[in-house]
């Protein structure tokens, strides 16, 4: 990835965290990495542990098209690995996606709950 792409992605994750916190999510972890990949955001929403995939774009209508079947499979695997490592006490677990579009100084956020 180029530096500009990395900066845009980091900016999108920061925006997503702010959005989630404004909607009563508690951020538990960010950018958790292991040999199999990375989880962008892990948060609590009430008693539910939420793994949030963030996609940031500066073009197009939505960034959700970047989350395909293979990406969802990898997210499920990574969520399981995170849980094995961290032993959460949450009652439920889900995977959400947040799309952050940054165009001409405007930011549009879309949040899809339970993409898996």
PDB file of N, CA and C in Angstrom:
ATOM      1  N   UNK A   1       0.834  -1.182   0.000  1.00  0.00           N
ATOM      2  CA  UNK A   1       0.000   0.000   0.000  1.00  0.00           C
ATOM      3  C   UNK A   1       0.880   1.248   0.000  1.00  0.00           C
ATOM      4  N   UNK A   2       0.386   2.262  -0.628  1.00  0.00           N
ATOM      5  CA  UNK A   2       1.113   3.523  -0.631  1.00  0.00           C
ATOM      6  C   UNK A   2       0.878   4.268   0.675  1.00  0.00           C
ATOM      7  N   UNK A   3       1.707   5.232   0.932  1.00  0.00           N
ATOM      8  CA  UNK A   3       1.560   6.029   2.147  1.00  0.00           C
ATOM      9  C   UNK A   3       0.212   6.742   2.165  1.00  0.00           C
ATOM     10  N   UNK A   4      -0.214   7.280   1.019  1.00  0.00           N
ATOM     11  CA  UNK A   4      -1.510   7.972   0.950  1.00  0.00           C
ATOM     12  C   UNK A   4      -2.652   7.013   1.287  1.00  0.00           C
ATOM     13  N   UNK A   5      -2.575   5.785   0.793  1.00  0.00           N
ATOM     14  CA  UNK A   5      -3.604   4.786   1.080  1.00  0.00           C
ATOM     15  C   UNK A   5      -3.598   4.424   2.560  1.00  0.00           C
ATOM     16  N   UNK A   6      -2.408   4.263   3.128  1.00  0.00           N
ATOM     17  CA  UNK A   6      -2.302   3.971   4.568  1.00  0.00           C
ATOM     18  C   UNK A   6      -2.897   5.097   5.394  1.00  0.00           C
ATOM     19  N   UNK A   7      -2.595   6.334   5.031  1.00  0.00           N
ATOM     20  CA  UNK A   7      -3.124   7.488   5.764  1.00  0.00           C
ATOM     21  C   UNK A   7      -4.644   7.563   5.666  1.00  0.00           C
ATOM     22  N   UNK A   8      -5.170   7.312   4.472  1.00  0.00           N
ATOM     23  CA  UNK A   8      -6.624   7.327   4.280  1.00  0.00           C
ATOM     24  C   UNK A   8      -7.275   6.228   5.121  1.00  0.00           C
ATOM     25  N   UNK A   9      -6.686   5.041   5.119  1.00  0.00           N
ATOM     26  CA  UNK A   9      -7.227   3.936   5.913  1.00  0.00           C
ATOM     27  C   UNK A   9      -7.211   4.237   7.401  1.00  0.00           C
ATOM     28  N   UNK A  10      -6.123   4.797   7.879  1.00  0.00           N
ATOM     29  CA  UNK A  10      -6.020   5.154   9.300  1.00  0.00           C
ATOM     30  C   UNK A  10      -7.042   6.237   9.662  1.00  0.00           C
ATOM     31  N   UNK A  11      -7.193   7.222   8.774  1.00  0.00           N
ATOM     32  CA  UNK A  11      -8.180   8.277   8.988  1.00  0.00           C
ATOM     33  C   UNK A  11      -9.581   7.667   9.069  1.00  0.00           C
ATOM     34  N   UNK A  12      -9.892   6.752   8.167  1.00  0.00           N
ATOM     35  CA  UNK A  12     -11.198   6.096   8.176  1.00  0.00           C
ATOM     36  C   UNK A  12     -11.441   5.319   9.453  1.00  0.00           C
ATOM     37  N   UNK A  13     -10.422   4.630   9.944  1.00  0.00           N
ATOM     38  CA  UNK A  13     -10.564   3.887  11.200  1.00  0.00           C
ATOM     39  C   UNK A  13     -10.784   4.841  12.375  1.00  0.00           C
ATOM     40  N   UNK A  14     -10.086   5.975  12.375  1.00  0.00           N
ATOM     41  CA  UNK A  14     -10.295   6.970  13.430  1.00  0.00           C
ATOM     42  C   UNK A  14     -11.730   7.501  13.389  1.00  0.00           C
ATOM     43  N   UNK A  15     -12.221   7.803  12.184  1.00  0.00           N
ATOM     44  CA  UNK A  15     -13.600   8.284  12.012  1.00  0.00           C
ATOM     45  C   UNK A  15     -14.587   7.217  12.486  1.00  0.00           C
ATOM     46  N   UNK A  16     -14.325   5.949  12.120  1.00  0.00           N
ATOM     47  CA  UNK A  16     -15.211   4.852  12.518  1.00  0.00           C
ATOM     48  C   UNK A  16     -15.236   4.702  14.034  1.00  0.00           C
ATOM     49  N   UNK A  17     -14.088   4.801  14.691  1.00  0.00           N
ATOM     50  CA  UNK A  17     -14.048   4.711  16.159  1.00  0.00           C
ATOM     51  C   UNK A  17     -14.857   5.834  16.800  1.00  0.00           C
ATOM     52  N   UNK A  18     -14.677   7.049  16.300  1.00  0.00           N
ATOM     53  CA  UNK A  18     -15.450   8.184  16.828  1.00  0.00           C
ATOM     54  C   UNK A  18     -16.946   7.936  16.657  1.00  0.00           C
ATOM     55  N   UNK A  19     -17.341   7.465  15.478  1.00  0.00           N
ATOM     56  CA  UNK A  19     -18.744   7.166  15.185  1.00  0.00           C
ATOM     57  C   UNK A  19     -19.275   6.111  16.157  1.00  0.00           C
ATOM     58  N   UNK A  20     -18.528   5.021  16.321  1.00  0.00           N
ATOM     59  CA  UNK A  20     -18.976   3.942  17.199  1.00  0.00           C
ATOM     60  C   UNK A  20     -19.101   4.413  18.639  1.00  0.00           C
ATOM     61  N   UNK A  21     -18.124   5.182  19.109  1.00  0.00           N
ATOM     62  CA  UNK A  21     -18.192   5.697  20.478  1.00  0.00           C
ATOM     63  C   UNK A  21     -19.389   6.623  20.676  1.00  0.00           C
ATOM     64  N   UNK A  22     -19.716   7.429  19.670  1.00  0.00           N
ATOM     65  CA  UNK A  22     -20.902   8.294  19.752  1.00  0.00           C
ATOM     66  C   UNK A  22     -22.187   7.472  19.801  1.00  0.00           C
ATOM     67  N   UNK A  23     -22.114   6.225  19.330  1.00  0.00           N
ATOM     68  CA  UNK A  23     -23.276   5.338  19.335  1.00  0.00           C
ATOM     69  C   UNK A  23     -23.156   4.280  20.438  1.00  0.00           C
ATOM     70  N   UNK A  24     -22.473   4.659  21.521  1.00  0.00           N
ATOM     71  CA  UNK A  24     -22.401   3.874  22.763  1.00  0.00           C
ATOM     72  C   UNK A  24     -21.597   2.580  22.672  1.00  0.00           C
ATOM     73  N   UNK A  25     -20.723   2.459  21.691  1.00  0.00           N
ATOM     74  CA  UNK A  25     -19.802   1.333  21.647  1.00  0.00           C
ATOM     75  C   UNK A  25     -18.592   1.684  22.508  1.00  0.00           C
ATOM     76  N   UNK A  26     -18.028   0.677  23.155  1.00  0.00           N
ATOM     77  CA  UNK A  26     -16.781   0.858  23.901  1.00  0.00           C
ATOM     78  C   UNK A  26     -15.678   0.147  23.120  1.00  0.00           C
ATOM     79  N   UNK A  27     -14.673   0.889  22.686  1.00  0.00           N
ATOM     80  CA  UNK A  27     -13.580   0.299  21.915  1.00  0.00           C
ATOM     81  C   UNK A  27     -12.721  -0.539  22.859  1.00  0.00           C
ATOM     82  N   UNK A  28     -12.528  -1.806  22.485  1.00  0.00           N
ATOM     83  CA  UNK A  28     -11.765  -2.750  23.295  1.00  0.00           C
ATOM     84  C   UNK A  28     -10.350  -2.915  22.734  1.00  0.00           C
ATOM     85  N   UNK A  29     -10.228  -2.919  21.403  1.00  0.00           N
ATOM     86  CA  UNK A  29      -8.944  -3.153  20.756  1.00  0.00           C
ATOM     87  C   UNK A  29      -8.990  -2.569  19.347  1.00  0.00           C
ATOM     88  N   UNK A  30      -7.816  -2.208  18.852  1.00  0.00           N
ATOM     89  CA  UNK A  30      -7.711  -1.687  17.474  1.00  0.00           C
ATOM     90  C   UNK A  30      -6.496  -2.297  16.804  1.00  0.00           C
ATOM     91  N   UNK A  31      -6.648  -2.562  15.525  1.00  0.00           N
ATOM     92  CA  UNK A  31      -5.553  -3.049  14.690  1.00  0.00           C
ATOM     93  C   UNK A  31      -4.855  -4.263  15.301  1.00  0.00           C
ATOM     94  N   UNK A  32      -5.655  -5.206  15.785  1.00  0.00           N
ATOM     95  CA  UNK A  32      -5.105  -6.443  16.336  1.00  0.00           C
ATOM     96  C   UNK A  32      -4.565  -7.294  15.199  1.00  0.00           C
ATOM     97  N   UNK A  33      -3.335  -7.710  15.316  1.00  0.00           N
ATOM     98  CA  UNK A  33      -2.677  -8.468  14.254  1.00  0.00           C
ATOM     99  C   UNK A  33      -2.187  -9.817  14.757  1.00  0.00           C
ATOM    100  N   UNK A  34      -2.231 -10.759  13.834  1.00  0.00           N
ATOM    101  CA  UNK A  34      -1.607 -12.063  14.052  1.00  0.00           C
ATOM    102  C   UNK A  34      -1.099 -12.529  12.689  1.00  0.00           C
ATOM    103  N   UNK A  35      -0.552 -13.707  12.627  1.00  0.00           N
ATOM    104  CA  UNK A  35       0.012 -14.177  11.357  1.00  0.00           C
ATOM    105  C   UNK A  35      -1.048 -14.372  10.272  1.00  0.00           C
ATOM    106  N   UNK A  36      -2.322 -14.486  10.668  1.00  0.00           N
ATOM    107  CA  UNK A  36      -3.405 -14.697   9.695  1.00  0.00           C
ATOM    108  C   UNK A  36      -4.021 -13.413   9.165  1.00  0.00           C
ATOM    109  N   UNK A  37      -3.727 -12.268   9.797  1.00  0.00           N
ATOM    110  CA  UNK A  37      -4.301 -11.019   9.316  1.00  0.00           C
ATOM    111  C   UNK A  37      -4.505 -10.007  10.426  1.00  0.00           C
ATOM    112  N   UNK A  38      -5.425  -9.084  10.182  1.00  0.00           N
ATOM    113  CA  UNK A  38      -5.669  -7.976  11.113  1.00  0.00           C
ATOM    114  C   UNK A  38      -7.154  -7.732  11.279  1.00  0.00           C
ATOM    115  N   UNK A  39      -7.539  -7.417  12.511  1.00  0.00           N
ATOM    116  CA  UNK A  39      -8.887  -6.950  12.816  1.00  0.00           C
ATOM    117  C   UNK A  39      -8.799  -5.452  13.056  1.00  0.00           C
ATOM    118  N   UNK A  40      -9.678  -4.677  12.403  1.00  0.00           N
ATOM    119  CA  UNK A  40      -9.608  -3.221  12.506  1.00  0.00           C
ATOM    120  C   UNK A  40     -10.009  -2.723  13.886  1.00  0.00           C
ATOM    121  N   UNK A  41     -11.226  -3.077  14.315  1.00  0.00           N
ATOM    122  CA  UNK A  41     -11.759  -2.580  15.587  1.00  0.00           C
ATOM    123  C   UNK A  41     -12.506  -3.711  16.274  1.00  0.00           C
ATOM    124  N   UNK A  42     -12.278  -3.847  17.570  1.00  0.00           N
ATOM    125  CA  UNK A  42     -13.064  -4.738  18.402  1.00  0.00           C
ATOM    126  C   UNK A  42     -13.719  -3.842  19.444  1.00  0.00           C
ATOM    127  N   UNK A  43     -15.041  -3.975  19.577  1.00  0.00           N
ATOM    128  CA  UNK A  43     -15.780  -3.080  20.475  1.00  0.00           C
ATOM    129  C   UNK A  43     -16.875  -3.850  21.197  1.00  0.00           C
ATOM    130  N   UNK A  44     -17.356  -3.259  22.269  1.00  0.00           N
ATOM    131  CA  UNK A  44     -18.504  -3.791  22.996  1.00  0.00           C
ATOM    132  C   UNK A  44     -19.704  -2.891  22.748  1.00  0.00           C
ATOM    133  N   UNK A  45     -20.823  -3.515  22.425  1.00  0.00           N
ATOM    134  CA  UNK A  45     -22.096  -2.825  22.311  1.00  0.00           C
ATOM    135  C   UNK A  45     -23.037  -3.532  23.280  1.00  0.00           C
ATOM    136  N   UNK A  46     -23.187  -2.948  24.450  1.00  0.00           N
ATOM    137  CA  UNK A  46     -23.922  -3.638  25.508  1.00  0.00           C
ATOM    138  C   UNK A  46     -23.150  -4.885  25.899  1.00  0.00           C
ATOM    139  N   UNK A  47     -23.796  -6.059  25.810  1.00  0.00           N
ATOM    140  CA  UNK A  47     -23.135  -7.319  26.152  1.00  0.00           C
ATOM    141  C   UNK A  47     -22.644  -8.067  24.910  1.00  0.00           C
ATOM    142  N   UNK A  48     -22.626  -7.381  23.758  1.00  0.00           N
ATOM    143  CA  UNK A  48     -22.207  -7.996  22.505  1.00  0.00           C
ATOM    144  C   UNK A  48     -20.814  -7.533  22.115  1.00  0.00           C
ATOM    145  N   UNK A  49     -19.932  -8.487  21.837  1.00  0.00           N
ATOM    146  CA  UNK A  49     -18.605  -8.190  21.329  1.00  0.00           C
ATOM    147  C   UNK A  49     -18.713  -8.054  19.814  1.00  0.00           C
ATOM    148  N   UNK A  50     -18.262  -6.920  19.285  1.00  0.00           N
ATOM    149  CA  UNK A  50     -18.439  -6.623  17.870  1.00  0.00           C
ATOM    150  C   UNK A  50     -17.073  -6.456  17.206  1.00  0.00           C
ATOM    151  N   UNK A  51     -16.840  -7.256  16.171  1.00  0.00           N
ATOM    152  CA  UNK A  51     -15.641  -7.131  15.348  1.00  0.00           C
ATOM    153  C   UNK A  51     -16.035  -6.276  14.153  1.00  0.00           C
ATOM    154  N   UNK A  52     -15.362  -5.144  13.987  1.00  0.00           N
ATOM    155  CA  UNK A  52     -15.760  -4.164  12.972  1.00  0.00           C
ATOM    156  C   UNK A  52     -14.700  -4.075  11.885  1.00  0.00           C
ATOM    157  N   UNK A  53     -15.105  -4.372  10.668  1.00  0.00           N
ATOM    158  CA  UNK A  53     -14.245  -4.199   9.492  1.00  0.00           C
ATOM    159  C   UNK A  53     -14.527  -2.810   8.928  1.00  0.00           C
ATOM    160  N   UNK A  54     -13.482  -2.020   8.774  1.00  0.00           N
ATOM    161  CA  UNK A  54     -13.620  -0.659   8.262  1.00  0.00           C
ATOM    162  C   UNK A  54     -13.037  -0.600   6.861  1.00  0.00           C
ATOM    163  N   UNK A  55     -13.814  -0.070   5.934  1.00  0.00           N
ATOM    164  CA  UNK A  55     -13.347   0.152   4.566  1.00  0.00           C
ATOM    165  C   UNK A  55     -13.497   1.635   4.263  1.00  0.00           C
ATOM    166  N   UNK A  56     -12.397   2.242   3.863  1.00  0.00           N
ATOM    167  CA  UNK A  56     -12.385   3.674   3.573  1.00  0.00           C
ATOM    168  C   UNK A  56     -12.044   3.879   2.109  1.00  0.00           C
ATOM    169  N   UNK A  57     -12.794   4.729   1.459  1.00  0.00           N
ATOM    170  CA  UNK A  57     -12.561   5.024   0.039  1.00  0.00           C
ATOM    171  C   UNK A  57     -12.720   6.519  -0.198  1.00  0.00           C
ATOM    172  N   UNK A  58     -12.107   6.983  -1.255  1.00  0.00           N
ATOM    173  CA  UNK A  58     -12.265   8.380  -1.664  1.00  0.00           C
ATOM    174  C   UNK A  58     -13.005   8.457  -3.002  1.00  0.00           C
ATOM    175  N   UNK A  59     -13.603   7.354  -3.415  1.00  0.00           N
ATOM    176  CA  UNK A  59     -14.331   7.285  -4.684  1.00  0.00           C
ATOM    177  C   UNK A  59     -15.460   6.277  -4.544  1.00  0.00           C
ATOM    178  N   UNK A  60     -16.389   6.280  -5.487  1.00  0.00           N
ATOM    179  CA  UNK A  60     -17.463   5.297  -5.505  1.00  0.00           C
ATOM    180  C   UNK A  60     -18.629   5.660  -4.603  1.00  0.00           C
ATOM    181  N   UNK A  61     -19.578   4.731  -4.531  1.00  0.00           N
ATOM    182  CA  UNK A  61     -20.794   4.934  -3.746  1.00  0.00           C
ATOM    183  C   UNK A  61     -20.698   4.336  -2.349  1.00  0.00           C
ATOM    184  N   UNK A  62     -19.962   3.239  -2.224  1.00  0.00           N
ATOM    185  CA  UNK A  62     -19.841   2.552  -0.934  1.00  0.00           C
ATOM    186  C   UNK A  62     -18.574   1.710  -0.956  1.00  0.00           C
ATOM    187  N   UNK A  63     -18.014   1.490   0.193  1.00  0.00           N
ATOM    188  CA  UNK A  63     -16.823   0.650   0.286  1.00  0.00           C
ATOM    189  C   UNK A  63     -17.184  -0.799   0.614  1.00  0.00           C
ATOM    190  N   UNK A  64     -18.454  -1.088   0.801  1.00  0.00           N
ATOM    191  CA  UNK A  64     -18.858  -2.426   1.208  1.00  0.00           C
ATOM    192  C   UNK A  64     -18.579  -3.485   0.149  1.00  0.00           C
ATOM    193  N   UNK A  65     -18.503  -3.101  -1.115  1.00  0.00           N
ATOM    194  CA  UNK A  65     -18.253  -4.099  -2.153  1.00  0.00           C
ATOM    195  C   UNK A  65     -16.897  -4.775  -1.977  1.00  0.00           C
ATOM    196  N   UNK A  66     -16.009  -4.178  -1.176  1.00  0.00           N
ATOM    197  CA  UNK A  66     -14.693  -4.771  -0.909  1.00  0.00           C
ATOM    198  C   UNK A  66     -14.772  -5.916   0.101  1.00  0.00           C
ATOM    199  N   UNK A  67     -15.932  -6.122   0.709  1.00  0.00           N
ATOM    200  CA  UNK A  67     -16.093  -7.193   1.694  1.00  0.00           C
ATOM    201  C   UNK A  67     -16.818  -8.356   1.013  1.00  0.00           C
ATOM    202  N   UNK A  68     -16.034  -9.281   0.503  1.00  0.00           N
ATOM    203  CA  UNK A  68     -16.602 -10.424  -0.204  1.00  0.00           C
ATOM    204  C   UNK A  68     -16.625 -11.658   0.704  1.00  0.00           C
ATOM    205  N   UNK A  69     -17.038 -12.777   0.144  1.00  0.00           N
ATOM    206  CA  UNK A  69     -17.159 -14.024   0.897  1.00  0.00           C
ATOM    207  C   UNK A  69     -15.826 -14.437   1.531  1.00  0.00           C
ATOM    208  N   UNK A  70     -14.733 -14.287   0.781  1.00  0.00           N
ATOM    209  CA  UNK A  70     -13.415 -14.646   1.324  1.00  0.00           C
ATOM    210  C   UNK A  70     -13.023 -13.746   2.490  1.00  0.00           C
ATOM    211  N   UNK A  71     -13.326 -12.464   2.381  1.00  0.00           N
ATOM    212  CA  UNK A  71     -13.020 -11.528   3.462  1.00  0.00           C
ATOM    213  C   UNK A  71     -13.823 -11.887   4.708  1.00  0.00           C
ATOM    214  N   UNK A  72     -15.094 -12.214   4.542  1.00  0.00           N
ATOM    215  CA  UNK A  72     -15.923 -12.605   5.683  1.00  0.00           C
ATOM    216  C   UNK A  72     -15.399 -13.876   6.342  1.00  0.00           C
ATOM    217  N   UNK A  73     -14.956 -14.831   5.528  1.00  0.00           N
ATOM    218  CA  UNK A  73     -14.400 -16.067   6.064  1.00  0.00           C
ATOM    219  C   UNK A  73     -13.153 -15.765   6.907  1.00  0.00           C
ATOM    220  N   UNK A  74     -12.301 -14.873   6.394  1.00  0.00           N
ATOM    221  CA  UNK A  74     -11.089 -14.507   7.127  1.00  0.00           C
ATOM    222  C   UNK A  74     -11.446 -13.744   8.413  1.00  0.00           C
ATOM    223  N   UNK A  75     -12.443 -12.868   8.355  1.00  0.00           N
ATOM    224  CA  UNK A  75     -12.865 -12.136   9.557  1.00  0.00           C
ATOM    225  C   UNK A  75     -13.379 -13.089  10.633  1.00  0.00           C
ATOM    226  N   UNK A  76     -14.147 -14.096  10.242  1.00  0.00           N
ATOM    227  CA  UNK A  76     -14.642 -15.086  11.207  1.00  0.00           C
ATOM    228  C   UNK A  76     -13.464 -15.824  11.853  1.00  0.00           C
ATOM    229  N   UNK A  77     -12.493 -16.205  11.041  1.00  0.00           N
ATOM    230  CA  UNK A  77     -11.312 -16.900  11.550  1.00  0.00           C
ATOM    231  C   UNK A  77     -10.541 -16.006  12.525  1.00  0.00           C
ATOM    232  N   UNK A  78     -10.320 -14.755  12.133  1.00  0.00           N
ATOM    233  CA  UNK A  78      -9.582 -13.822  12.987  1.00  0.00           C
ATOM    234  C   UNK A  78     -10.339 -13.540  14.286  1.00  0.00           C
ATOM    235  N   UNK A  79     -11.661 -13.421  14.201  1.00  0.00           N
ATOM    236  CA  UNK A  79     -12.460 -13.207  15.414  1.00  0.00           C
ATOM    237  C   UNK A  79     -12.290 -14.379  16.375  1.00  0.00           C
ATOM    238  N   UNK A  80     -12.284 -15.584  15.845  1.00  0.00           N
ATOM    239  CA  UNK A  80     -12.066 -16.762  16.675  1.00  0.00           C
ATOM    240  C   UNK A  80     -10.695 -16.760  17.333  1.00  0.00           C
ATOM    241  N   UNK A  81      -9.676 -16.378  16.571  1.00  0.00           N
ATOM    242  CA  UNK A  81      -8.318 -16.302  17.124  1.00  0.00           C
ATOM    243  C   UNK A  81      -8.215 -15.236  18.206  1.00  0.00           C
ATOM    244  N   UNK A  82      -8.865 -14.085  17.979  1.00  0.00           N
ATOM    245  CA  UNK A  82      -8.853 -13.027  18.991  1.00  0.00           C
ATOM    246  C   UNK A  82      -9.510 -13.533  20.279  1.00  0.00           C
ATOM    247  N   UNK A  83     -10.632 -14.232  20.130  1.00  0.00           N
ATOM    248  CA  UNK A  83     -11.339 -14.755  21.303  1.00  0.00           C
ATOM    249  C   UNK A  83     -10.501 -15.798  22.043  1.00  0.00           C
ATOM    250  N   UNK A  84      -9.782 -16.642  21.316  1.00  0.00           N
ATOM    251  CA  UNK A  84      -8.907 -17.626  21.963  1.00  0.00           C
ATOM    252  C   UNK A  84      -7.810 -16.933  22.763  1.00  0.00           C
ATOM    253  N   UNK A  85      -7.299 -15.850  22.231  1.00  0.00           N
ATOM    254  CA  UNK A  85      -6.211 -15.118  22.884  1.00  0.00           C
ATOM    255  C   UNK A  85      -6.700 -14.295  24.063  1.00  0.00           C
ATOM    256  N   UNK A  86      -7.875 -13.687  23.935  1.00  0.00           N
ATOM    257  CA  UNK A  86      -8.339 -12.711  24.922  1.00  0.00           C
ATOM    258  C   UNK A  86      -9.430 -13.193  25.867  1.00  0.00           C
ATOM    259  N   UNK A  87     -10.048 -14.330  25.592  1.00  0.00           N
ATOM    260  CA  UNK A  87     -11.073 -14.908  26.461  1.00  0.00           C
ATOM    261  C   UNK A  87     -12.136 -13.891  26.902  1.00  0.00           C
ATOM    262  N   UNK A  88     -12.895 -13.339  25.953  1.00  0.00           N
ATOM    263  CA  UNK A  88     -13.900 -12.335  26.325  1.00  0.00           C
ATOM    264  C   UNK A  88     -15.053 -12.965  27.106  1.00  0.00           C
ATOM    265  N   UNK A  89     -15.749 -12.135  27.865  1.00  0.00           N
ATOM    266  CA  UNK A  89     -16.901 -12.597  28.651  1.00  0.00           C
ATOM    267  C   UNK A  89     -18.225 -12.143  28.034  1.00  0.00           C
ATOM    268  N   UNK A  90     -18.184 -11.609  26.833  1.00  0.00           N
ATOM    269  CA  UNK A  90     -19.399 -11.112  26.169  1.00  0.00           C
ATOM    270  C   UNK A  90     -20.398 -12.250  25.966  1.00  0.00           C
ATOM    271  N   UNK A  91     -21.676 -11.894  25.996  1.00  0.00           N
ATOM    272  CA  UNK A  91     -22.730 -12.889  25.811  1.00  0.00           C
ATOM    273  C   UNK A  91     -22.920 -13.253  24.345  1.00  0.00           C
ATOM    274  N   UNK A  92     -22.742 -12.288  23.458  1.00  0.00           N
ATOM    275  CA  UNK A  92     -22.921 -12.506  22.024  1.00  0.00           C
ATOM    276  C   UNK A  92     -21.735 -11.935  21.271  1.00  0.00           C
ATOM    277  N   UNK A  93     -21.576 -12.413  20.036  1.00  0.00           N
ATOM    278  CA  UNK A  93     -20.508 -11.927  19.159  1.00  0.00           C
ATOM    279  C   UNK A  93     -21.115 -11.692  17.787  1.00  0.00           C
ATOM    280  N   UNK A  94     -20.680 -10.608  17.136  1.00  0.00           N
ATOM    281  CA  UNK A  94     -21.125 -10.368  15.759  1.00  0.00           C
ATOM    282  C   UNK A  94     -20.019  -9.643  15.000  1.00  0.00           C
ATOM    283  N   UNK A  95     -20.171  -9.613  13.678  1.00  0.00           N
ATOM    284  CA  UNK A  95     -19.247  -8.892  12.810  1.00  0.00           C
ATOM    285  C   UNK A  95     -20.029  -7.800  12.101  1.00  0.00           C
ATOM    286  N   UNK A  96     -19.554  -6.565  12.221  1.00  0.00           N
ATOM    287  CA  UNK A  96     -20.153  -5.404  11.552  1.00  0.00           C
ATOM    288  C   UNK A  96     -19.170  -4.875  10.512  1.00  0.00           C
ATOM    289  N   UNK A  97     -19.675  -4.027   9.650  1.00  0.00           N
ATOM    290  CA  UNK A  97     -18.826  -3.335   8.679  1.00  0.00           C
ATOM    291  C   UNK A  97     -19.170  -1.855   8.691  1.00  0.00           C
ATOM    292  N   UNK A  98     -18.145  -1.029   8.583  1.00  0.00           N
ATOM    293  CA  UNK A  98     -18.325   0.412   8.491  1.00  0.00           C
ATOM    294  C   UNK A  98     -17.648   0.890   7.212  1.00  0.00           C
ATOM    295  N   UNK A  99     -18.402   1.609   6.402  1.00  0.00           N
ATOM    296  CA  UNK A  99     -17.885   2.227   5.183  1.00  0.00           C
ATOM    297  C   UNK A  99     -17.693   3.711   5.446  1.00  0.00           C
ATOM    298  N   UNK A 100     -16.495   4.198   5.141  1.00  0.00           N
ATOM    299  CA  UNK A 100     -16.198   5.618   5.288  1.00  0.00           C
ATOM    300  C   UNK A 100     -15.813   6.137   3.903  1.00  0.00           C
ATOM    301  N   UNK A 101     -16.632   7.045   3.369  1.00  0.00           N
ATOM    302  CA  UNK A 101     -16.344   7.681   2.080  1.00  0.00           C
ATOM    303  C   UNK A 101     -15.897   9.108   2.338  1.00  0.00           C
ATOM    304  N   UNK A 102     -14.736   9.443   1.813  1.00  0.00           N
ATOM    305  CA  UNK A 102     -14.167  10.781   1.979  1.00  0.00           C
ATOM    306  C   UNK A 102     -14.038  11.387   0.590  1.00  0.00           C
ATOM    307  N   UNK A 103     -14.882  12.404   0.318  1.00  0.00           N
ATOM    308  CA  UNK A 103     -14.864  13.051  -0.999  1.00  0.00           C
ATOM    309  C   UNK A 103     -15.051  14.543  -0.845  1.00  0.00           C
ATOM    310  N   UNK A 104     -14.149  15.283  -1.441  1.00  0.00           N
ATOM    311  CA  UNK A 104     -14.236  16.741  -1.469  1.00  0.00           C
ATOM    312  C   UNK A 104     -14.478  17.324  -0.077  1.00  0.00           C
ATOM    313  N   UNK A 105     -13.792  16.778   0.920  1.00  0.00           N
ATOM    314  CA  UNK A 105     -13.922  17.297   2.274  1.00  0.00           C
ATOM    315  C   UNK A 105     -15.141  16.806   3.029  1.00  0.00           C
ATOM    316  N   UNK A 106     -15.997  16.028   2.376  1.00  0.00           N
ATOM    317  CA  UNK A 106     -17.186  15.481   3.034  1.00  0.00           C
ATOM    318  C   UNK A 106     -16.945  14.032   3.417  1.00  0.00           C
ATOM    319  N   UNK A 107     -17.444  13.648   4.570  1.00  0.00           N
ATOM    320  CA  UNK A 107     -17.303  12.278   5.044  1.00  0.00           C
ATOM    321  C   UNK A 107     -18.688  11.670   5.209  1.00  0.00           C
ATOM    322  N   UNK A 108     -18.887  10.508   4.603  1.00  0.00           N
ATOM    323  CA  UNK A 108     -20.136   9.765   4.726  1.00  0.00           C
ATOM    324  C   UNK A 108     -19.833   8.430   5.385  1.00  0.00           C
ATOM    325  N   UNK A 109     -20.589   8.112   6.433  1.00  0.00           N
ATOM    326  CA  UNK A 109     -20.380   6.877   7.174  1.00  0.00           C
ATOM    327  C   UNK A 109     -21.626   6.011   7.042  1.00  0.00           C
ATOM    328  N   UNK A 110     -21.413   4.736   6.728  1.00  0.00           N
ATOM    329  CA  UNK A 110     -22.479   3.750   6.725  1.00  0.00           C
ATOM    330  C   UNK A 110     -22.054   2.624   7.656  1.00  0.00           C
ATOM    331  N   UNK A 111     -22.982   2.141   8.463  1.00  0.00           N
ATOM    332  CA  UNK A 111     -22.690   1.079   9.416  1.00  0.00           C
ATOM    333  C   UNK A 111     -23.674  -0.068   9.172  1.00  0.00           C
ATOM    334  N   UNK A 112     -23.145  -1.225   8.812  1.00  0.00           N
ATOM    335  CA  UNK A 112     -23.976  -2.418   8.645  1.00  0.00           C
ATOM    336  C   UNK A 112     -23.711  -3.349   9.811  1.00  0.00           C
ATOM    337  N   UNK A 113     -24.747  -3.682  10.550  1.00  0.00           N
ATOM    338  CA  UNK A 113     -24.610  -4.621  11.659  1.00  0.00           C
ATOM    339  C   UNK A 113     -24.812  -6.046  11.166  1.00  0.00           C
ATOM    340  N   UNK A 114     -24.118  -6.956  11.795  1.00  0.00           N
ATOM    341  CA  UNK A 114     -24.279  -8.394  11.559  1.00  0.00           C
ATOM    342  C   UNK A 114     -24.101  -8.778  10.086  1.00  0.00           C
ATOM    343  N   UNK A 115     -22.943  -8.422   9.528  1.00  0.00           N
ATOM    344  CA  UNK A 115     -22.690  -8.825   8.138  1.00  0.00           C
ATOM    345  C   UNK A 115     -22.422 -10.307   8.057  1.00  0.00           C
ATOM    346  N   UNK A 116     -22.183 -10.915   9.213  1.00  0.00           N
ATOM    347  CA  UNK A 116     -22.116 -12.382   9.324  1.00  0.00           C
ATOM    348  C   UNK A 116     -22.834 -12.773  10.571  1.00  0.00           C
TER     349      UNK A 116
END
